[in-house]
Amino acid sequence: MKVAAVVADLDGTVVRSDFSMSIATEQALDTIRAAGIPMVIATARTPPGVEFLLGPRDSIELAVCCSGAIGWDRSSKARVWLEMIAPDTVRTVVDTALAHAAGVAGYDGEVWRMTAEYDRLSPDQPRGPIRSVVDPADLARSPCCTMALRHAGGDIWKLADAMAVTSPSAALSHVGRSTVLDITGSGIDKGTGACRALATLGVDPQSAISFGDMPNDLPLFRATGRAYAVGEADAAVTAAAHEVLGDVEHDGFARKIAELAAAGWVID
């Protein structure tokens, strides 16, 4: 197999817990670009969040944002697609979050609306989109393309199990040093988003490789021809990967890119 594209998660995979990128990772992105291989980011972050973390770096043209709900063209700074969550699902997510004393937020493509508890639990997150603290009832009536839940008591994993009953798209992700439960519309995930982005590039997903570290990367792993777990943060992710690499703090992604480049981007 000849690598035709690279698709990678951001937080915990390419970006470290302090929201920085190592020199080795920056060099890896340059290596991919120099080889003429398209690079796609697949993240739970919004387009402004992607721009905040990647800055002027132009080696990445396409980003799958909000876990597949938004396609973002970094060159034109324009959305390629936007998929919304059904209104009844938004209400259910808010109700479930309140029942578990969790903070909940929803993003409509422009503004993050969040409960006071969610805002309290995310004071050090990089500010990208406009943020507005609202009453839960108002959030339940708001349009959302993605939602996020945080829990102060460390019960986010239990909350993920509870939410999976009504929202199959619910999946855990890393945001810096925090674990967040992300929710998208039915049938929308990083895998569907990556396939749309790769189709735009004219690349067969089975000729692409993917990198991730958390459960929301599992659909991405299933969509690509080869998948790499960056670190061992989640057992399901390591079990689904073709290979487990070192974590982001030890440049697992960067080391694998250097190895692939040395092999002429051919995988046996």
Protein backbone atom coordinates (compact mmCIF):
# COMPACT_ATOMS: atom_id res chain seq x y z
CA MET A 1 0.00 0.00 0.00
CA LYS A 2 1.27 3.43 -0.98
CA VAL A 3 0.16 6.19 1.39
CA ALA A 4 -2.07 8.62 -0.51
CA ALA A 5 -3.16 10.81 2.43
CA VAL A 6 -2.65 11.27 6.15
CA VAL A 7 -5.59 11.93 8.47
CA ALA A 8 -4.87 12.83 12.09
CA ASP A 9 -6.65 13.87 15.24
CA LEU A 10 -5.35 17.02 16.95
CA ASP A 11 -5.49 16.93 20.77
CA GLY A 12 -3.47 14.08 22.23
CA THR A 13 -2.23 13.02 18.80
CA VAL A 14 -0.54 15.99 17.13
CA VAL A 15 -1.01 18.64 19.82
CA ARG A 16 0.28 18.14 23.36
CA SER A 17 -1.68 18.63 26.57
CA ASP A 18 -0.46 22.24 26.87
CA PHE A 19 -1.85 22.96 23.35
CA SER A 20 1.65 23.14 21.85
CA MET A 21 3.26 21.18 19.03
CA SER A 22 6.74 19.69 19.37
CA ILE A 23 9.52 20.53 16.94
CA ALA A 24 9.48 16.90 15.80
CA THR A 25 5.77 17.12 14.98
CA GLU A 26 6.24 20.35 13.05
CA GLN A 27 9.01 18.65 11.09
CA ALA A 28 6.71 15.68 10.43
CA LEU A 29 4.06 17.99 8.94
CA ASP A 30 6.74 19.53 6.74
CA THR A 31 7.84 16.04 5.67
CA ILE A 32 4.28 15.14 4.64
CA ARG A 33 3.90 18.33 2.66
CA ALA A 34 7.29 17.93 0.96
CA ALA A 35 6.22 14.47 -0.21
CA GLY A 36 3.12 15.97 -1.85
CA ILE A 37 0.85 13.91 0.39
CA PRO A 38 -2.40 15.62 1.47
CA MET A 39 -2.87 16.06 5.22
CA VAL A 40 -6.34 16.20 6.76
CA ILE A 41 -7.08 17.06 10.38
CA ALA A 42 -10.05 15.26 11.97
CA THR A 43 -10.93 16.81 15.30
CA ALA A 44 -13.73 17.56 17.74
CA ARG A 45 -12.61 21.18 17.66
CA THR A 46 -14.46 23.94 15.85
CA PRO A 47 -12.89 25.72 12.82
CA PRO A 48 -11.75 28.67 14.99
CA GLY A 49 -10.23 26.17 17.41
CA VAL A 50 -8.33 24.53 14.56
CA GLU A 51 -7.10 27.91 13.34
CA PHE A 52 -6.01 28.82 16.88
CA LEU A 53 -3.90 25.65 17.24
CA LEU A 54 -2.50 25.48 13.70
CA GLY A 55 -1.95 29.22 13.26
CA PRO A 56 -0.36 30.16 9.94
CA ARG A 57 0.70 26.59 9.19
CA ASP A 58 -0.39 26.01 5.59
CA SER A 59 0.56 22.35 5.25
CA ILE A 60 -3.01 21.39 6.21
CA GLU A 61 -5.70 22.61 3.81
CA LEU A 62 -8.73 20.58 4.92
CA ALA A 63 -10.05 19.98 8.40
CA VAL A 64 -12.88 17.76 9.56
CA CYS A 65 -14.18 19.74 12.54
CA CYS A 66 -16.73 19.08 15.29
CA SER A 67 -16.18 15.32 14.89
CA GLY A 68 -17.46 15.33 11.32
CA ALA A 69 -20.25 17.90 11.56
CA ILE A 70 -18.26 20.62 9.78
CA GLY A 71 -15.88 20.49 6.85
CA TRP A 72 -13.44 23.41 6.84
CA ASP A 73 -11.32 24.68 3.95
CA ARG A 74 -8.39 26.44 5.57
CA SER A 75 -7.33 28.14 2.34
CA SER A 76 -10.60 29.95 1.74
CA LYS A 77 -11.62 30.01 5.44
CA ALA A 78 -14.98 28.62 4.42
CA ARG A 79 -17.23 25.77 5.51
CA VAL A 80 -17.52 22.93 3.02
CA TRP A 81 -20.44 21.33 4.87
CA LEU A 82 -22.47 21.74 8.06
CA GLU A 83 -24.56 18.94 9.63
CA MET A 84 -26.98 19.77 12.45
CA ILE A 85 -28.22 17.63 15.36
CA ALA A 86 -31.95 16.89 15.44
CA PRO A 87 -33.76 19.24 17.88
CA ASP A 88 -35.18 16.37 19.96
CA THR A 89 -31.66 14.98 20.41
CA VAL A 90 -30.44 18.40 21.61
CA ARG A 91 -33.15 18.42 24.25
CA THR A 92 -32.34 14.87 25.32
CA VAL A 93 -28.63 15.66 25.67
CA VAL A 94 -29.33 18.69 27.85
CA ASP A 95 -31.78 16.73 30.03
CA THR A 96 -29.32 13.84 30.45
CA ALA A 97 -26.48 16.20 31.33
CA LEU A 98 -28.56 17.92 33.99
CA ALA A 99 -29.65 14.56 35.42
CA HIS A 100 -25.97 13.66 35.88
CA ALA A 101 -24.93 17.11 37.22
CA ALA A 102 -22.75 17.63 34.16
CA GLY A 103 -21.94 20.80 32.27
CA VAL A 104 -23.18 20.90 28.68
CA ALA A 105 -22.54 23.13 25.67
CA GLY A 106 -23.77 23.35 22.09
CA TYR A 107 -22.20 24.90 19.00
CA ASP A 108 -24.25 26.12 16.03
CA GLY A 109 -21.37 26.84 13.66
CA GLU A 110 -20.76 30.32 15.02
CA VAL A 111 -21.40 30.46 18.78
CA TRP A 112 -20.84 28.13 21.72
CA ARG A 113 -23.79 28.27 24.12
CA MET A 114 -23.10 26.64 27.47
CA THR A 115 -24.42 26.16 30.95
CA ALA A 116 -22.66 27.87 33.84
CA GLU A 117 -21.30 24.49 34.97
CA TYR A 118 -19.68 23.82 31.59
CA ASP A 119 -18.12 27.29 31.60
CA ARG A 120 -16.82 26.69 35.14
CA LEU A 121 -15.19 23.42 34.09
CA SER A 122 -13.37 24.91 31.09
CA PRO A 123 -11.65 28.10 32.28
CA ASP A 124 -8.28 27.45 30.63
CA GLN A 125 -9.39 26.34 27.18
CA PRO A 126 -8.11 28.31 24.17
CA ARG A 127 -10.76 30.82 23.18
CA GLY A 128 -11.84 30.58 19.56
CA PRO A 129 -15.55 30.92 18.83
CA ILE A 130 -17.85 33.31 20.69
CA ARG A 131 -18.96 31.83 24.01
CA SER A 132 -22.27 32.58 25.71
CA VAL A 133 -23.46 31.26 29.08
CA VAL A 134 -27.18 30.50 28.87
CA ASP A 135 -29.92 28.86 30.86
CA PRO A 136 -30.21 25.08 30.18
CA ALA A 137 -33.73 25.60 28.84
CA ASP A 138 -32.42 28.07 26.26
CA LEU A 139 -29.65 25.69 25.25
CA ALA A 140 -32.19 22.88 24.82
CA ARG A 141 -34.00 25.06 22.24
CA SER A 142 -30.86 26.13 20.37
CA PRO A 143 -29.65 24.75 17.03
CA CYS A 144 -26.48 22.67 17.44
CA CYS A 145 -24.12 20.90 15.08
CA THR A 146 -22.07 19.51 17.95
CA MET A 147 -22.45 19.29 21.73
CA ALA A 148 -19.97 18.71 24.52
CA LEU A 149 -20.31 17.56 28.12
CA ARG A 150 -17.93 17.88 31.06
CA HIS A 151 -18.22 16.41 34.55
CA ALA A 152 -16.51 17.61 37.70
CA GLY A 153 -16.73 14.30 39.56
CA GLY A 154 -14.75 12.18 37.14
CA ASP A 155 -17.88 10.34 36.01
CA ILE A 156 -17.55 11.28 32.35
CA TRP A 157 -17.09 7.61 31.42
CA LYS A 158 -20.35 6.65 33.13
CA LEU A 159 -22.03 9.60 31.44
CA ALA A 160 -20.76 8.32 28.09
CA ASP A 161 -22.43 4.97 28.73
CA ALA A 162 -25.71 6.68 29.68
CA MET A 163 -25.64 8.96 26.65
CA ALA A 164 -24.88 6.12 24.23
CA VAL A 165 -28.42 4.82 24.76
CA THR A 166 -30.01 7.87 23.12
CA SER A 167 -27.05 9.36 21.20
CA PRO A 168 -24.99 6.68 19.44
CA SER A 169 -22.61 9.34 18.14
CA ALA A 170 -21.47 10.21 21.68
CA ALA A 171 -17.72 9.61 22.06
CA LEU A 172 -14.94 10.73 24.38
CA SER A 173 -12.09 12.96 23.28
CA HIS A 174 -9.13 14.82 24.73
CA VAL A 175 -9.05 18.60 25.06
CA GLY A 176 -5.75 19.49 26.63
CA ARG A 177 -5.69 17.70 29.97
CA SER A 178 -9.47 17.21 30.05
CA THR A 179 -11.70 14.42 28.77
CA VAL A 180 -14.87 15.63 27.06
CA LEU A 181 -17.92 13.79 25.76
CA ASP A 182 -18.69 14.99 22.22
CA ILE A 183 -22.00 14.45 20.43
CA THR A 184 -22.88 14.91 16.76
CA GLY A 185 -25.95 14.16 14.67
CA SER A 186 -27.02 10.66 13.74
CA GLY A 187 -24.63 9.09 11.26
CA ILE A 188 -22.07 11.88 11.62
CA ASP A 189 -18.60 11.11 12.95
CA LYS A 190 -14.91 11.51 12.13
CA GLY A 191 -15.09 8.57 9.74
CA THR A 192 -17.86 10.06 7.59
CA GLY A 193 -16.16 13.43 7.73
CA ALA A 194 -12.79 12.00 6.68
CA CYS A 195 -14.41 10.21 3.73
CA ARG A 196 -15.99 13.48 2.58
CA ALA A 197 -12.70 15.34 2.90
CA LEU A 198 -10.76 12.62 1.09
CA ALA A 199 -13.37 12.54 -1.69
CA THR A 200 -12.74 16.27 -2.16
CA LEU A 201 -9.06 15.46 -2.57
CA GLY A 202 -9.76 12.53 -4.90
CA VAL A 203 -8.25 10.01 -2.50
CA ASP A 204 -9.59 6.52 -1.79
CA PRO A 205 -9.93 6.26 2.04
CA GLN A 206 -8.39 2.79 1.89
CA SER A 207 -5.20 4.40 0.59
CA ALA A 208 -5.10 6.80 3.56
CA ILE A 209 -3.66 6.28 7.02
CA SER A 210 -5.08 7.68 10.25
CA PHE A 211 -3.78 8.60 13.70
CA GLY A 212 -5.83 9.03 16.89
CA ASP A 213 -5.94 8.42 20.61
CA MET A 214 -9.54 8.41 21.90
CA PRO A 215 -12.90 6.69 21.24
CA ASN A 216 -14.11 9.43 18.89
CA ASP A 217 -11.28 8.33 16.56
CA LEU A 218 -12.64 4.79 16.17
CA PRO A 219 -14.88 5.65 13.16
CA LEU A 220 -11.82 7.28 11.58
CA PHE A 221 -9.83 4.09 12.08
CA ARG A 222 -12.56 2.06 10.40
CA ALA A 223 -12.64 4.41 7.40
CA THR A 224 -8.94 4.31 6.48
CA GLY A 225 -6.67 1.60 5.20
CA ARG A 226 -4.25 1.72 8.14
CA ALA A 227 -4.78 3.12 11.64
CA TYR A 228 -2.28 4.08 14.35
CA ALA A 229 -3.07 4.62 18.03
CA VAL A 230 -0.96 7.41 19.48
CA GLY A 231 -0.36 6.28 23.06
CA GLU A 232 -2.47 3.93 25.12
CA ALA A 233 -5.11 6.26 26.57
CA ASP A 234 -8.00 3.96 25.67
CA ALA A 235 -8.09 0.16 25.37
CA ALA A 236 -10.70 0.14 22.60
CA VAL A 237 -8.55 2.45 20.50
CA THR A 238 -5.39 0.40 20.89
CA ALA A 239 -7.34 -2.78 20.09
CA ALA A 240 -8.70 -1.24 16.86
CA ALA A 241 -5.34 0.09 15.65
CA HIS A 242 -2.97 -1.72 13.33
CA GLU A 243 -0.10 -0.42 15.45
CA VAL A 244 0.28 1.33 18.80
CA LEU A 245 2.79 4.17 18.87
CA GLY A 246 4.35 6.27 21.59
CA ASP A 247 2.13 8.99 23.02
CA VAL A 248 2.12 12.59 21.86
CA GLU A 249 4.51 13.69 24.59
CA HIS A 250 7.03 11.20 23.15
CA ASP A 251 6.39 12.09 19.50
CA GLY A 252 4.64 8.89 18.49
CA PHE A 253 3.05 10.52 15.44
CA ALA A 254 6.25 12.28 14.37
CA ARG A 255 8.38 9.16 14.70
CA LYS A 256 5.97 7.11 12.60
CA ILE A 257 5.89 9.74 9.86
CA ALA A 258 9.70 9.75 9.76
CA GLU A 259 9.67 5.95 9.51
CA LEU A 260 7.12 5.98 6.67
CA ALA A 261 9.03 8.65 4.79
CA ALA A 262 12.22 6.62 5.07
CA ALA A 263 10.36 3.62 3.60
CA GLY A 264 9.17 5.64 0.62
CA TRP A 265 5.63 5.87 2.08
CA VAL A 266 5.02 2.20 1.24
CA ILE A 267 3.34 -0.05 3.84
CA ASP A 268 3.56 -3.82 3.47
